[in-house]
Amino acid sequence: MEIILQNTGKRFNREWIFRHCSINFSDTKKYAITGSNGSGKSTLLQVIAGALMFNEGTITVQDK
């Protein structure tokens, strides 16, 4: 399986939590998401999981 983010962004009110995020996650690799408190790590994971809607870009899940 592969999860593909293309120019994905999430904002709350007028502030962008993350924007223009493009990355491919492959099930054959391991990933670590790091950052300081309040940098958007949990929000990114919730967007990828579908618990939160994103405001721009696309997220595609491809099954091999």
N, C-alpha and C. Protein backbone atom coordinates (compact mmCIF):
# COMPACT_ATOMS: atom_id res chain seq x y z
N MET A 1 0.84 -1.17 0.00
CA MET A 1 0.00 0.00 0.00
C MET A 1 0.89 1.24 0.00
N GLU A 2 0.41 2.29 -0.60
CA GLU A 2 1.13 3.55 -0.65
C GLU A 2 0.15 4.69 -0.39
N ILE A 3 0.53 5.63 0.46
CA ILE A 3 -0.26 6.81 0.75
C ILE A 3 0.49 8.00 0.17
N ILE A 4 -0.17 8.74 -0.71
CA ILE A 4 0.48 9.84 -1.43
C ILE A 4 -0.21 11.15 -1.08
N LEU A 5 0.56 12.08 -0.54
CA LEU A 5 0.08 13.43 -0.27
C LEU A 5 0.66 14.34 -1.33
N GLN A 6 -0.21 15.13 -1.98
CA GLN A 6 0.24 16.06 -3.02
C GLN A 6 -0.26 17.45 -2.68
N ASN A 7 0.67 18.33 -2.32
CA ASN A 7 0.34 19.71 -1.96
C ASN A 7 -0.79 19.81 -0.96
N THR A 8 -0.79 18.93 0.02
CA THR A 8 -1.85 18.86 1.01
C THR A 8 -1.64 19.92 2.08
N GLY A 9 -2.73 20.52 2.52
CA GLY A 9 -2.66 21.54 3.55
C GLY A 9 -3.86 21.49 4.47
N LYS A 10 -3.65 21.89 5.71
CA LYS A 10 -4.72 21.95 6.70
C LYS A 10 -4.61 23.27 7.45
N ARG A 11 -5.74 23.93 7.63
CA ARG A 11 -5.75 25.17 8.41
C ARG A 11 -6.91 25.16 9.39
N PHE A 12 -6.71 25.86 10.48
CA PHE A 12 -7.75 26.11 11.45
C PHE A 12 -7.96 27.62 11.46
N ASN A 13 -9.21 28.02 11.25
CA ASN A 13 -9.54 29.43 11.10
C ASN A 13 -8.69 30.02 9.98
N ARG A 14 -7.82 30.97 10.26
CA ARG A 14 -7.01 31.59 9.20
C ARG A 14 -5.56 31.16 9.24
N GLU A 15 -5.20 30.29 10.18
CA GLU A 15 -3.80 29.90 10.33
C GLU A 15 -3.55 28.51 9.74
N TRP A 16 -2.54 28.40 8.88
CA TRP A 16 -2.18 27.13 8.28
C TRP A 16 -1.36 26.31 9.27
N ILE A 17 -1.77 25.08 9.50
CA ILE A 17 -1.02 24.17 10.36
C ILE A 17 0.13 23.57 9.55
N PHE A 18 -0.17 23.14 8.34
CA PHE A 18 0.85 22.75 7.37
C PHE A 18 0.28 23.04 5.99
N ARG A 19 1.17 23.28 5.04
CA ARG A 19 0.73 23.64 3.69
C ARG A 19 1.76 23.16 2.69
N HIS A 20 1.30 22.79 1.49
CA HIS A 20 2.16 22.31 0.40
C HIS A 20 2.97 21.08 0.84
N CYS A 21 2.34 20.19 1.56
CA CYS A 21 3.00 18.97 2.04
C CYS A 21 2.86 17.88 0.97
N SER A 22 3.98 17.43 0.44
CA SER A 22 3.99 16.38 -0.58
C SER A 22 4.96 15.29 -0.15
N ILE A 23 4.44 14.08 0.01
CA ILE A 23 5.27 12.95 0.43
C ILE A 23 4.57 11.65 0.05
N ASN A 24 5.36 10.62 -0.22
CA ASN A 24 4.83 9.27 -0.47
C ASN A 24 5.22 8.37 0.70
N PHE A 25 4.22 7.76 1.32
CA PHE A 25 4.48 6.78 2.39
C PHE A 25 4.28 5.39 1.80
N SER A 26 5.30 4.55 1.91
CA SER A 26 5.25 3.19 1.40
C SER A 26 5.18 2.21 2.57
N ASP A 27 4.45 1.11 2.38
CA ASP A 27 4.33 0.13 3.46
C ASP A 27 5.60 -0.70 3.65
N THR A 28 6.58 -0.52 2.80
CA THR A 28 7.83 -1.27 2.95
C THR A 28 8.87 -0.49 3.76
N LYS A 29 8.54 0.72 4.19
CA LYS A 29 9.47 1.56 4.94
C LYS A 29 8.86 1.98 6.26
N LYS A 30 9.71 2.45 7.17
CA LYS A 30 9.27 2.98 8.46
C LYS A 30 9.54 4.47 8.48
N TYR A 31 8.66 5.22 9.13
CA TYR A 31 8.76 6.67 9.16
C TYR A 31 8.65 7.17 10.59
N ALA A 32 9.29 8.28 10.86
CA ALA A 32 9.17 8.99 12.12
C ALA A 32 8.82 10.44 11.81
N ILE A 33 7.80 10.94 12.47
CA ILE A 33 7.40 12.34 12.30
C ILE A 33 7.80 13.06 13.57
N THR A 34 8.70 14.01 13.44
CA THR A 34 9.22 14.70 14.62
C THR A 34 8.97 16.20 14.50
N GLY A 35 8.99 16.86 15.63
CA GLY A 35 8.82 18.31 15.67
C GLY A 35 8.49 18.74 17.07
N SER A 36 8.54 20.03 17.28
CA SER A 36 8.26 20.57 18.61
C SER A 36 6.75 20.54 18.88
N ASN A 37 6.40 20.82 20.14
CA ASN A 37 4.99 20.87 20.53
C ASN A 37 4.26 21.91 19.69
N GLY A 38 3.09 21.53 19.19
CA GLY A 38 2.28 22.46 18.42
C GLY A 38 2.70 22.63 16.97
N SER A 39 3.58 21.76 16.47
CA SER A 39 4.06 21.92 15.09
C SER A 39 3.16 21.24 14.06
N GLY A 40 2.15 20.47 14.49
CA GLY A 40 1.21 19.88 13.54
C GLY A 40 1.38 18.39 13.30
N LYS A 41 2.17 17.70 14.12
CA LYS A 41 2.40 16.25 13.92
C LYS A 41 1.11 15.45 14.04
N SER A 42 0.38 15.67 15.12
CA SER A 42 -0.87 14.93 15.35
C SER A 42 -1.92 15.30 14.31
N THR A 43 -1.97 16.56 13.94
CA THR A 43 -2.92 17.00 12.92
C THR A 43 -2.62 16.32 11.59
N LEU A 44 -1.36 16.23 11.22
CA LEU A 44 -0.99 15.55 9.98
C LEU A 44 -1.44 14.09 10.01
N LEU A 45 -1.20 13.40 11.11
CA LEU A 45 -1.60 12.00 11.22
C LEU A 45 -3.12 11.84 11.19
N GLN A 46 -3.85 12.77 11.80
CA GLN A 46 -5.31 12.71 11.77
C GLN A 46 -5.85 12.96 10.37
N VAL A 47 -5.20 13.84 9.61
CA VAL A 47 -5.60 14.08 8.22
C VAL A 47 -5.34 12.83 7.38
N ILE A 48 -4.17 12.22 7.55
CA ILE A 48 -3.86 11.01 6.79
C ILE A 48 -4.84 9.88 7.13
N ALA A 49 -5.22 9.78 8.40
CA ALA A 49 -6.15 8.72 8.85
C ALA A 49 -7.59 8.99 8.44
N GLY A 50 -7.90 10.22 8.03
CA GLY A 50 -9.26 10.55 7.63
C GLY A 50 -10.12 11.08 8.76
N ALA A 51 -9.54 11.31 9.93
CA ALA A 51 -10.30 11.83 11.07
C ALA A 51 -10.57 13.33 10.92
N LEU A 52 -9.70 14.03 10.20
CA LEU A 52 -9.87 15.45 9.89
C LEU A 52 -9.82 15.64 8.38
N MET A 53 -10.59 16.59 7.90
CA MET A 53 -10.54 16.92 6.48
C MET A 53 -9.41 17.91 6.23
N PHE A 54 -8.79 17.80 5.07
CA PHE A 54 -7.75 18.74 4.67
C PHE A 54 -8.39 19.85 3.86
N ASN A 55 -7.72 20.98 3.76
CA ASN A 55 -8.27 22.14 3.07
C ASN A 55 -7.79 22.31 1.64
N GLU A 56 -6.65 21.72 1.33
CA GLU A 56 -6.16 21.83 -0.05
C GLU A 56 -5.32 20.61 -0.39
N GLY A 57 -5.14 20.37 -1.67
CA GLY A 57 -4.34 19.24 -2.14
C GLY A 57 -5.13 17.95 -2.22
N THR A 58 -4.39 16.86 -2.36
CA THR A 58 -5.02 15.53 -2.48
C THR A 58 -4.27 14.51 -1.63
N ILE A 59 -5.02 13.50 -1.21
CA ILE A 59 -4.45 12.34 -0.55
C ILE A 59 -4.98 11.11 -1.27
N THR A 60 -4.06 10.27 -1.75
CA THR A 60 -4.43 9.09 -2.51
C THR A 60 -3.86 7.85 -1.81
N VAL A 61 -4.69 6.82 -1.71
CA VAL A 61 -4.24 5.53 -1.17
C VAL A 61 -4.26 4.53 -2.32
N GLN A 62 -3.10 3.96 -2.60
CA GLN A 62 -2.98 2.99 -3.68
C GLN A 62 -2.63 1.63 -3.09
N ASP A 63 -3.42 0.63 -3.46
CA ASP A 63 -3.15 -0.74 -3.03
C ASP A 63 -2.42 -1.44 -4.15
N LYS A 64 -1.31 -2.07 -3.81
CA LYS A 64 -0.50 -2.73 -4.84
C LYS A 64 -1.12 -4.01 -5.30
